Amino acid sequence: MPSDRARIDKFETVEFSVEDHVATIKLNRPHRRNALNFQAYDELEISLAAVNSDPDVRCAIVTGADPAFCSGDDVGEVLSESESLIPQGPAPRAEPTSAAMRALECTKPLIAAINGPAVGWGMELALFADMRIASQRAKFAELFIRRGLVCDVGGFVRLPAIVGPAKAAELLFTGEVVDADEALRIGLVSKVVEHEALGEAARDLAARIARNPPLALAFMKDGLRRASIPHVREIGEWTTQALYALMKTEDHREGVASFMEKREPVFRGR
């Protein structure tokens, strides 16, 4: 943990703090609506690892610096660079997304305090949490289909378990946006509060959890995880293979180009 904390203190894209047994991870790229570049992914993964390894932490909150929770990948950097990094031919080995697995395999209860748009991988991050509380400014969308891609394991595993298979299919197949009230109605979030009250509501819930015995909390969390996501690594490996294949398609390049050029995409199935 000391080496992790030494690195965390120098982070530029994530703020990490621990108080009264509660860790807070705040994405801090407000100028990019907390879009994740490679550095942000790395710093988020290290922060989640720190939550796991710190015996003083009994619960964690993940949130974003206003005005957004997380707007997904920084398209101009991550997707364009990812495409150039993909070698030709078959993938040598497929592994689940590191930050996703850190979140899904976190041994401490994880609360997402969603203060604004949570779209693309930002919605995945919200799904990785055990509990979600939303500000009235929150919005949710699985936008991957509009970029010619598939979602991460959160969309495949967690979303159907939370909102039901049919609603999950609708959200994944359309990529459409739902607001905070609709998210509450379908069970995507457990509570919607005034924007200014979100931090207090998340800290109150975290404090009520952190008062309980940490060993029992860990076993309770492990039981829920075993029941709800028994084959997550297998699904994560398949997802990586699918993304690897889709990133080579013309439709994916069109999805990225149309987003950057602010126009409607024209997909051709190739």
C-alpha atoms as a PDB file:
ATOM      1  CA  MET A   1       0.000   0.000   0.000  1.00  0.00           C
ATOM      2  CA  PRO A   2       2.734   2.601   0.797  1.00  0.00           C
ATOM      3  CA  SER A   3       4.139   2.341  -2.742  1.00  0.00           C
ATOM      4  CA  ASP A   4       0.625   2.674  -4.186  1.00  0.00           C
ATOM      5  CA  ARG A   5      -0.092   5.742  -2.061  1.00  0.00           C
ATOM      6  CA  ALA A   6       3.187   7.335  -3.114  1.00  0.00           C
ATOM      7  CA  ARG A   7       2.109   6.937  -6.741  1.00  0.00           C
ATOM      8  CA  ILE A   8      -1.470   8.029  -6.039  1.00  0.00           C
ATOM      9  CA  ASP A   9      -0.315  11.285  -4.454  1.00  0.00           C
ATOM     10  CA  LYS A  10       1.169  12.213  -7.846  1.00  0.00           C
ATOM     11  CA  PHE A  11      -1.918  11.347  -9.901  1.00  0.00           C
ATOM     12  CA  GLU A  12      -3.158  13.907 -12.407  1.00  0.00           C
ATOM     13  CA  THR A  13      -6.471  12.388 -13.523  1.00  0.00           C
ATOM     14  CA  VAL A  14      -7.833  10.766 -10.342  1.00  0.00           C
ATOM     15  CA  GLU A  15      -8.169  12.045  -6.777  1.00  0.00           C
ATOM     16  CA  PHE A  16      -7.948   9.435  -4.006  1.00  0.00           C
ATOM     17  CA  SER A  17      -8.631   9.919  -0.311  1.00  0.00           C
ATOM     18  CA  VAL A  18      -9.534   7.835   2.757  1.00  0.00           C
ATOM     19  CA  GLU A  19     -11.509   9.119   5.739  1.00  0.00           C
ATOM     20  CA  ASP A  20     -13.332   7.178   8.462  1.00  0.00           C
ATOM     21  CA  HIS A  21     -12.787   3.845   6.687  1.00  0.00           C
ATOM     22  CA  VAL A  22     -14.279   5.182   3.424  1.00  0.00           C
ATOM     23  CA  ALA A  23     -12.167   5.659   0.293  1.00  0.00           C
ATOM     24  CA  THR A  24     -13.243   8.173  -2.348  1.00  0.00           C
ATOM     25  CA  ILE A  25     -12.077   7.843  -5.950  1.00  0.00           C
ATOM     26  CA  LYS A  26     -12.890  10.922  -8.014  1.00  0.00           C
ATOM     27  CA  LEU A  27     -12.225  11.093 -11.743  1.00  0.00           C
ATOM     28  CA  ASN A  28     -10.675  14.506 -12.271  1.00  0.00           C
ATOM     29  CA  ARG A  29     -10.599  15.503 -15.935  1.00  0.00           C
ATOM     30  CA  PRO A  30     -13.522  17.965 -15.878  1.00  0.00           C
ATOM     31  CA  HIS A  31     -12.284  19.752 -19.005  1.00  0.00           C
ATOM     32  CA  ARG A  32     -12.849  16.449 -20.856  1.00  0.00           C
ATOM     33  CA  ARG A  33     -16.008  15.537 -18.902  1.00  0.00           C
ATOM     34  CA  ASN A  34     -13.875  12.925 -17.135  1.00  0.00           C
ATOM     35  CA  ALA A  35     -13.295  10.997 -20.352  1.00  0.00           C
ATOM     36  CA  LEU A  36     -10.740   8.262 -19.794  1.00  0.00           C
ATOM     37  CA  ASN A  37      -7.404   8.322 -21.577  1.00  0.00           C
ATOM     38  CA  PHE A  38      -4.723   5.702 -20.995  1.00  0.00           C
ATOM     39  CA  GLN A  39      -3.329   7.564 -17.993  1.00  0.00           C
ATOM     40  CA  ALA A  40      -6.782   7.805 -16.401  1.00  0.00           C
ATOM     41  CA  TYR A  41      -7.399   4.084 -16.917  1.00  0.00           C
ATOM     42  CA  ASP A  42      -4.066   3.301 -15.239  1.00  0.00           C
ATOM     43  CA  GLU A  43      -4.704   5.641 -12.323  1.00  0.00           C
ATOM     44  CA  LEU A  44      -8.232   4.291 -11.829  1.00  0.00           C
ATOM     45  CA  GLU A  45      -6.900   0.720 -11.793  1.00  0.00           C
ATOM     46  CA  ILE A  46      -4.225   1.608  -9.222  1.00  0.00           C
ATOM     47  CA  SER A  47      -6.823   3.391  -7.061  1.00  0.00           C
ATOM     48  CA  LEU A  48      -9.111   0.357  -7.078  1.00  0.00           C
ATOM     49  CA  ALA A  49      -6.144  -1.850  -6.181  1.00  0.00           C
ATOM     50  CA  ALA A  50      -5.382   0.504  -3.276  1.00  0.00           C
ATOM     51  CA  VAL A  51      -8.952   0.128  -2.010  1.00  0.00           C
ATOM     52  CA  ASN A  52      -8.503  -3.634  -2.022  1.00  0.00           C
ATOM     53  CA  SER A  53      -5.120  -3.635  -0.309  1.00  0.00           C
ATOM     54  CA  ASP A  54      -5.750  -1.047   2.435  1.00  0.00           C
ATOM     55  CA  PRO A  55      -7.067  -2.756   5.594  1.00  0.00           C
ATOM     56  CA  ASP A  56      -8.358   0.606   6.842  1.00  0.00           C
ATOM     57  CA  VAL A  57     -10.815   0.861   3.922  1.00  0.00           C
ATOM     58  CA  ARG A  58     -14.188  -0.820   4.470  1.00  0.00           C
ATOM     59  CA  CYS A  59     -16.192   0.860   1.703  1.00  0.00           C
ATOM     60  CA  ALA A  60     -15.408   2.984  -1.361  1.00  0.00           C
ATOM     61  CA  ILE A  61     -17.148   5.683  -3.389  1.00  0.00           C
ATOM     62  CA  VAL A  62     -16.392   6.378  -7.038  1.00  0.00           C
ATOM     63  CA  THR A  63     -17.559   9.673  -8.528  1.00  0.00           C
ATOM     64  CA  GLY A  64     -16.537  12.390 -10.977  1.00  0.00           C
ATOM     65  CA  ALA A  65     -15.610  16.048 -10.893  1.00  0.00           C
ATOM     66  CA  ASP A  66     -18.543  18.120 -12.192  1.00  0.00           C
ATOM     67  CA  PRO A  67     -20.035  18.404 -14.752  1.00  0.00           C
ATOM     68  CA  ALA A  68     -19.884  14.655 -15.516  1.00  0.00           C
ATOM     69  CA  PHE A  69     -19.446  11.294 -13.854  1.00  0.00           C
ATOM     70  CA  CYS A  70     -17.553   9.852 -16.826  1.00  0.00           C
ATOM     71  CA  SER A  71     -18.135  10.372 -20.535  1.00  0.00           C
ATOM     72  CA  GLY A  72     -16.405   7.117 -21.471  1.00  0.00           C
ATOM     73  CA  ASP A  73     -13.260   6.805 -23.529  1.00  0.00           C
ATOM     74  CA  ASP A  74     -11.466   9.934 -24.659  1.00  0.00           C
ATOM     75  CA  VAL A  75     -12.350   9.110 -28.267  1.00  0.00           C
ATOM     76  CA  GLY A  76      -9.757  11.316 -29.896  1.00  0.00           C
ATOM     77  CA  GLU A  77      -6.975   9.654 -27.913  1.00  0.00           C
ATOM     78  CA  VAL A  78      -8.010   6.149 -26.850  1.00  0.00           C
ATOM     79  CA  LEU A  79      -9.957   4.815 -29.834  1.00  0.00           C
ATOM     80  CA  SER A  80      -7.771   6.317 -32.519  1.00  0.00           C
ATOM     81  CA  GLU A  81      -4.587   5.192 -30.771  1.00  0.00           C
ATOM     82  CA  SER A  82      -6.045   1.783 -29.869  1.00  0.00           C
ATOM     83  CA  GLU A  83      -6.704   1.106 -33.538  1.00  0.00           C
ATOM     84  CA  SER A  84      -3.102   1.833 -34.434  1.00  0.00           C
ATOM     85  CA  LEU A  85      -1.940  -0.477 -31.645  1.00  0.00           C
ATOM     86  CA  ILE A  86      -3.864  -3.513 -32.916  1.00  0.00           C
ATOM     87  CA  PRO A  87      -1.519  -5.887 -34.754  1.00  0.00           C
ATOM     88  CA  GLN A  88      -2.600  -7.546 -37.967  1.00  0.00           C
ATOM     89  CA  GLY A  89      -3.789 -11.138 -37.745  1.00  0.00           C
ATOM     90  CA  PRO A  90      -5.388 -12.942 -34.817  1.00  0.00           C
ATOM     91  CA  ALA A  91      -5.114 -11.645 -31.257  1.00  0.00           C
ATOM     92  CA  PRO A  92      -2.174 -13.339 -29.520  1.00  0.00           C
ATOM     93  CA  ARG A  93      -4.107 -13.494 -26.226  1.00  0.00           C
ATOM     94  CA  ALA A  94      -7.342 -12.007 -24.982  1.00  0.00           C
ATOM     95  CA  GLU A  95      -7.695 -10.726 -21.412  1.00  0.00           C
ATOM     96  CA  PRO A  96     -10.466  -8.780 -19.652  1.00  0.00           C
ATOM     97  CA  THR A  97     -10.050  -5.013 -19.253  1.00  0.00           C
ATOM     98  CA  SER A  98      -7.797  -4.481 -16.221  1.00  0.00           C
ATOM     99  CA  ALA A  99      -9.766  -1.615 -14.660  1.00  0.00           C
ATOM    100  CA  ALA A 100     -13.011  -3.534 -15.174  1.00  0.00           C
ATOM    101  CA  MET A 101     -11.697  -6.602 -13.401  1.00  0.00           C
ATOM    102  CA  ARG A 102     -10.279  -4.490 -10.561  1.00  0.00           C
ATOM    103  CA  ALA A 103     -13.756  -3.032 -10.035  1.00  0.00           C
ATOM    104  CA  LEU A 104     -15.677  -6.291 -10.427  1.00  0.00           C
ATOM    105  CA  GLU A 105     -13.274  -8.195  -8.164  1.00  0.00           C
ATOM    106  CA  CYS A 106     -13.017  -5.455  -5.527  1.00  0.00           C
ATOM    107  CA  THR A 107     -13.486  -7.046  -2.103  1.00  0.00           C
ATOM    108  CA  LYS A 108     -14.927  -3.878  -0.527  1.00  0.00           C
ATOM    109  CA  PRO A 109     -18.473  -2.560  -1.107  1.00  0.00           C
ATOM    110  CA  LEU A 110     -18.366   0.000  -3.940  1.00  0.00           C
ATOM    111  CA  ILE A 111     -20.818   2.902  -4.329  1.00  0.00           C
ATOM    112  CA  ALA A 112     -21.111   4.916  -7.551  1.00  0.00           C
ATOM    113  CA  ALA A 113     -22.168   8.509  -6.847  1.00  0.00           C
ATOM    114  CA  ILE A 114     -23.246   9.546 -10.332  1.00  0.00           C
ATOM    115  CA  ASN A 115     -23.119  13.326 -10.534  1.00  0.00           C
ATOM    116  CA  GLY A 116     -23.711  13.738 -14.277  1.00  0.00           C
ATOM    117  CA  PRO A 117     -23.565  11.819 -17.566  1.00  0.00           C
ATOM    118  CA  ALA A 118     -22.298   8.232 -17.258  1.00  0.00           C
ATOM    119  CA  VAL A 119     -21.986   7.023 -20.837  1.00  0.00           C
ATOM    120  CA  GLY A 120     -19.964   4.410 -22.670  1.00  0.00           C
ATOM    121  CA  TRP A 121     -17.307   3.079 -20.328  1.00  0.00           C
ATOM    122  CA  GLY A 122     -18.574   5.608 -17.767  1.00  0.00           C
ATOM    123  CA  MET A 123     -21.801   3.616 -17.590  1.00  0.00           C
ATOM    124  CA  GLU A 124     -19.737   0.436 -17.330  1.00  0.00           C
ATOM    125  CA  LEU A 125     -17.920   1.919 -14.342  1.00  0.00           C
ATOM    126  CA  ALA A 126     -21.262   2.725 -12.699  1.00  0.00           C
ATOM    127  CA  LEU A 127     -22.419  -0.855 -13.349  1.00  0.00           C
ATOM    128  CA  PHE A 128     -19.294  -2.301 -11.726  1.00  0.00           C
ATOM    129  CA  ALA A 129     -20.362  -0.724  -8.415  1.00  0.00           C
ATOM    130  CA  ASP A 130     -22.549  -2.625  -5.968  1.00  0.00           C
ATOM    131  CA  MET A 131     -24.826   0.401  -5.439  1.00  0.00           C
ATOM    132  CA  ARG A 132     -25.633   3.477  -7.517  1.00  0.00           C
ATOM    133  CA  ILE A 133     -26.937   6.834  -6.258  1.00  0.00           C
ATOM    134  CA  ALA A 134     -27.674   9.492  -8.879  1.00  0.00           C
ATOM    135  CA  SER A 135     -27.907  13.240  -8.986  1.00  0.00           C
ATOM    136  CA  GLN A 136     -30.855  14.646 -10.896  1.00  0.00           C
ATOM    137  CA  ARG A 137     -28.273  15.673 -13.514  1.00  0.00           C
ATOM    138  CA  ALA A 138     -27.259  12.064 -14.190  1.00  0.00           C
ATOM    139  CA  LYS A 139     -27.764  10.451 -17.579  1.00  0.00           C
ATOM    140  CA  PHE A 140     -26.909   6.952 -18.721  1.00  0.00           C
ATOM    141  CA  ALA A 141     -26.139   5.370 -22.088  1.00  0.00           C
ATOM    142  CA  GLU A 142     -24.325   2.322 -23.432  1.00  0.00           C
ATOM    143  CA  LEU A 143     -22.998   4.077 -26.534  1.00  0.00           C
ATOM    144  CA  PHE A 144     -20.743   1.295 -27.797  1.00  0.00           C
ATOM    145  CA  ILE A 145     -23.076   0.177 -30.570  1.00  0.00           C
ATOM    146  CA  ARG A 146     -22.881   3.676 -32.093  1.00  0.00           C
ATOM    147  CA  ARG A 147     -19.091   3.332 -32.357  1.00  0.00           C
ATOM    148  CA  GLY A 148     -19.337  -0.095 -33.992  1.00  0.00           C
ATOM    149  CA  LEU A 149     -18.166  -1.842 -30.812  1.00  0.00           C
ATOM    150  CA  VAL A 150     -19.488  -4.025 -27.989  1.00  0.00           C
ATOM    151  CA  CYS A 151     -19.714  -3.052 -24.332  1.00  0.00           C
ATOM    152  CA  ASP A 152     -17.397  -4.227 -21.566  1.00  0.00           C
ATOM    153  CA  VAL A 153     -18.343  -6.996 -19.116  1.00  0.00           C
ATOM    154  CA  GLY A 154     -20.526  -4.613 -17.078  1.00  0.00           C
ATOM    155  CA  GLY A 155     -23.037  -4.333 -19.895  1.00  0.00           C
ATOM    156  CA  PHE A 156     -23.075  -8.074 -20.585  1.00  0.00           C
ATOM    157  CA  VAL A 157     -23.105  -9.321 -16.991  1.00  0.00           C
ATOM    158  CA  ARG A 158     -24.245  -6.596 -14.603  1.00  0.00           C
ATOM    159  CA  LEU A 159     -26.796  -4.693 -16.702  1.00  0.00           C
ATOM    160  CA  PRO A 160     -29.151  -7.661 -17.361  1.00  0.00           C
ATOM    161  CA  ALA A 161     -28.955  -8.648 -13.692  1.00  0.00           C
ATOM    162  CA  ILE A 162     -29.912  -5.117 -12.621  1.00  0.00           C
ATOM    163  CA  VAL A 163     -32.608  -4.062 -15.118  1.00  0.00           C
ATOM    164  CA  GLY A 164     -33.595  -7.421 -16.657  1.00  0.00           C
ATOM    165  CA  PRO A 165     -32.532  -9.012 -19.961  1.00  0.00           C
ATOM    166  CA  ALA A 166     -35.091  -7.250 -22.183  1.00  0.00           C
ATOM    167  CA  LYS A 167     -34.359  -3.735 -20.915  1.00  0.00           C
ATOM    168  CA  ALA A 168     -30.627  -4.436 -21.037  1.00  0.00           C
ATOM    169  CA  ALA A 169     -30.973  -5.551 -24.660  1.00  0.00           C
ATOM    170  CA  GLU A 170     -32.871  -2.356 -25.489  1.00  0.00           C
ATOM    171  CA  LEU A 171     -30.198  -0.145 -23.920  1.00  0.00           C
ATOM    172  CA  LEU A 172     -27.344  -2.078 -25.564  1.00  0.00           C
ATOM    173  CA  PHE A 173     -28.922  -2.391 -29.024  1.00  0.00           C
ATOM    174  CA  THR A 174     -30.080   1.250 -29.292  1.00  0.00           C
ATOM    175  CA  GLY A 175     -27.370   3.122 -27.388  1.00  0.00           C
ATOM    176  CA  GLU A 176     -30.100   5.550 -26.292  1.00  0.00           C
ATOM    177  CA  VAL A 177     -29.839   7.847 -23.268  1.00  0.00           C
ATOM    178  CA  VAL A 178     -31.975   7.519 -20.127  1.00  0.00           C
ATOM    179  CA  ASP A 179     -32.257  10.245 -17.501  1.00  0.00           C
ATOM    180  CA  ALA A 180     -32.055   9.876 -13.724  1.00  0.00           C
ATOM    181  CA  ASP A 181     -35.806   9.407 -13.215  1.00  0.00           C
ATOM    182  CA  GLU A 182     -35.966   6.643 -15.821  1.00  0.00           C
ATOM    183  CA  ALA A 183     -32.868   5.041 -14.302  1.00  0.00           C
ATOM    184  CA  LEU A 184     -34.646   4.952 -10.944  1.00  0.00           C
ATOM    185  CA  ARG A 185     -37.812   3.517 -12.492  1.00  0.00           C
ATOM    186  CA  ILE A 186     -35.969   0.614 -14.137  1.00  0.00           C
ATOM    187  CA  GLY A 187     -33.821  -0.074 -11.071  1.00  0.00           C
ATOM    188  CA  LEU A 188     -30.536   1.069 -12.571  1.00  0.00           C
ATOM    189  CA  VAL A 189     -30.050   3.337  -9.543  1.00  0.00           C
ATOM    190  CA  SER A 190     -31.462   2.947  -6.023  1.00  0.00           C
ATOM    191  CA  LYS A 191     -31.893   6.642  -5.246  1.00  0.00           C
ATOM    192  CA  VAL A 192     -32.033  10.026  -7.000  1.00  0.00           C
ATOM    193  CA  VAL A 193     -31.193  13.149  -5.000  1.00  0.00           C
ATOM    194  CA  GLU A 194     -30.699  16.858  -5.609  1.00  0.00           C
ATOM    195  CA  HIS A 195     -27.328  17.475  -7.208  1.00  0.00           C
ATOM    196  CA  GLU A 196     -25.961  19.330  -4.200  1.00  0.00           C
ATOM    197  CA  ALA A 197     -26.984  16.486  -1.853  1.00  0.00           C
ATOM    198  CA  LEU A 198     -25.272  13.675  -3.781  1.00  0.00           C
ATOM    199  CA  GLY A 199     -21.963  13.694  -1.934  1.00  0.00           C
ATOM    200  CA  GLU A 200     -23.639  13.689   1.467  1.00  0.00           C
ATOM    201  CA  ALA A 201     -26.008  10.872   0.438  1.00  0.00           C
ATOM    202  CA  ALA A 202     -23.118   8.708  -0.780  1.00  0.00           C
ATOM    203  CA  ARG A 203     -21.027   9.371   2.331  1.00  0.00           C
ATOM    204  CA  ASP A 204     -23.993   8.596   4.576  1.00  0.00           C
ATOM    205  CA  LEU A 205     -24.552   5.234   2.888  1.00  0.00           C
ATOM    206  CA  ALA A 206     -20.811   4.458   2.984  1.00  0.00           C
ATOM    207  CA  ALA A 207     -20.656   5.333   6.693  1.00  0.00           C
ATOM    208  CA  ARG A 208     -23.577   3.024   7.485  1.00  0.00           C
ATOM    209  CA  ILE A 209     -21.791   0.211   5.647  1.00  0.00           C
ATOM    210  CA  ALA A 210     -18.370   0.935   7.162  1.00  0.00           C
ATOM    211  CA  ARG A 211     -19.751   0.627  10.712  1.00  0.00           C
ATOM    212  CA  ASN A 212     -20.160  -3.111  10.146  1.00  0.00           C
ATOM    213  CA  PRO A 213     -17.466  -5.765  10.767  1.00  0.00           C
ATOM    214  CA  PRO A 214     -15.017  -5.749   7.835  1.00  0.00           C
ATOM    215  CA  LEU A 215     -14.534  -9.529   7.629  1.00  0.00           C
ATOM    216  CA  ALA A 216     -18.280 -10.136   7.420  1.00  0.00           C
ATOM    217  CA  LEU A 217     -18.540  -7.377   4.796  1.00  0.00           C
ATOM    218  CA  ALA A 218     -15.869  -9.070   2.708  1.00  0.00           C
ATOM    219  CA  PHE A 219     -17.651 -12.424   2.846  1.00  0.00           C
ATOM    220  CA  MET A 220     -21.012 -10.794   2.074  1.00  0.00           C
ATOM    221  CA  LYS A 221     -19.512  -9.057  -0.945  1.00  0.00           C
ATOM    222  CA  ASP A 222     -17.856 -12.283  -2.098  1.00  0.00           C
ATOM    223  CA  GLY A 223     -21.144 -14.175  -1.812  1.00  0.00           C
ATOM    224  CA  LEU A 224     -22.981 -11.620  -3.941  1.00  0.00           C
ATOM    225  CA  ARG A 225     -20.210 -11.668  -6.526  1.00  0.00           C
ATOM    226  CA  ARG A 226     -20.139 -15.463  -6.753  1.00  0.00           C
ATOM    227  CA  ALA A 227     -23.913 -15.560  -7.201  1.00  0.00           C
ATOM    228  CA  SER A 228     -24.170 -12.791  -9.805  1.00  0.00           C
ATOM    229  CA  ILE A 229     -21.002 -12.992 -11.919  1.00  0.00           C
ATOM    230  CA  PRO A 230     -19.740 -16.596 -11.814  1.00  0.00           C
ATOM    231  CA  HIS A 231     -18.124 -16.604 -15.273  1.00  0.00           C
ATOM    232  CA  VAL A 232     -16.943 -12.998 -15.526  1.00  0.00           C
ATOM    233  CA  ARG A 233     -13.397 -13.776 -16.670  1.00  0.00           C
ATOM    234  CA  GLU A 234     -14.632 -16.007 -19.481  1.00  0.00           C
ATOM    235  CA  ILE A 235     -17.015 -13.263 -20.641  1.00  0.00           C
ATOM    236  CA  GLY A 236     -14.260 -10.674 -20.283  1.00  0.00           C
ATOM    237  CA  GLU A 237     -11.945 -12.711 -22.512  1.00  0.00           C
ATOM    238  CA  TRP A 238     -14.672 -13.086 -25.155  1.00  0.00           C
ATOM    239  CA  THR A 239     -15.345  -9.328 -24.984  1.00  0.00           C
ATOM    240  CA  THR A 240     -11.687  -8.569 -25.640  1.00  0.00           C
ATOM    241  CA  GLN A 241     -11.710 -10.856 -28.688  1.00  0.00           C
ATOM    242  CA  ALA A 242     -14.872  -9.187 -30.000  1.00  0.00           C
ATOM    243  CA  LEU A 243     -13.462  -5.691 -29.534  1.00  0.00           C
ATOM    244  CA  TYR A 244     -10.227  -6.749 -31.222  1.00  0.00           C
ATOM    245  CA  ALA A 245     -12.173  -7.886 -34.275  1.00  0.00           C
ATOM    246  CA  LEU A 246     -14.559  -4.916 -34.374  1.00  0.00           C
ATOM    247  CA  MET A 247     -11.819  -2.295 -34.114  1.00  0.00           C
ATOM    248  CA  LYS A 248     -10.596  -3.460 -37.525  1.00  0.00           C
ATOM    249  CA  THR A 249     -13.949  -2.797 -39.229  1.00  0.00           C
ATOM    250  CA  GLU A 250     -14.969   0.110 -41.441  1.00  0.00           C
ATOM    251  CA  ASP A 251     -18.090   0.583 -39.313  1.00  0.00           C
ATOM    252  CA  HIS A 252     -15.968   1.231 -36.221  1.00  0.00           C
ATOM    253  CA  ARG A 253     -13.852   3.780 -38.077  1.00  0.00           C
ATOM    254  CA  GLU A 254     -17.063   5.431 -39.334  1.00  0.00           C
ATOM    255  CA  GLY A 255     -18.485   5.504 -35.803  1.00  0.00           C
ATOM    256  CA  VAL A 256     -15.408   7.311 -34.510  1.00  0.00           C
ATOM    257  CA  ALA A 257     -15.159   9.637 -37.511  1.00  0.00           C
ATOM    258  CA  SER A 258     -18.825  10.640 -37.378  1.00  0.00           C
ATOM    259  CA  PHE A 259     -18.523  11.396 -33.663  1.00  0.00           C
ATOM    260  CA  MET A 260     -15.437  13.555 -34.192  1.00  0.00           C
ATOM    261  CA  GLU A 261     -17.070  15.313 -37.158  1.00  0.00           C
ATOM    262  CA  LYS A 262     -20.430  15.724 -35.354  1.00  0.00           C
ATOM    263  CA  ARG A 263     -22.511  14.078 -38.046  1.00  0.00           C
ATOM    264  CA  GLU A 264     -24.785  11.077 -38.408  1.00  0.00           C
ATOM    265  CA  PRO A 265     -22.860   7.858 -39.172  1.00  0.00           C
ATOM    266  CA  VAL A 266     -23.450   5.705 -42.238  1.00  0.00           C
ATOM    267  CA  PHE A 267     -22.798   2.054 -41.401  1.00  0.00           C
ATOM    268  CA  ARG A 268     -22.253  -0.481 -44.198  1.00  0.00           C
ATOM    269  CA  GLY A 269     -21.762  -3.764 -42.360  1.00  0.00           C
ATOM    270  CA  ARG A 270     -18.110  -4.158 -43.139  1.00  0.00           C
END
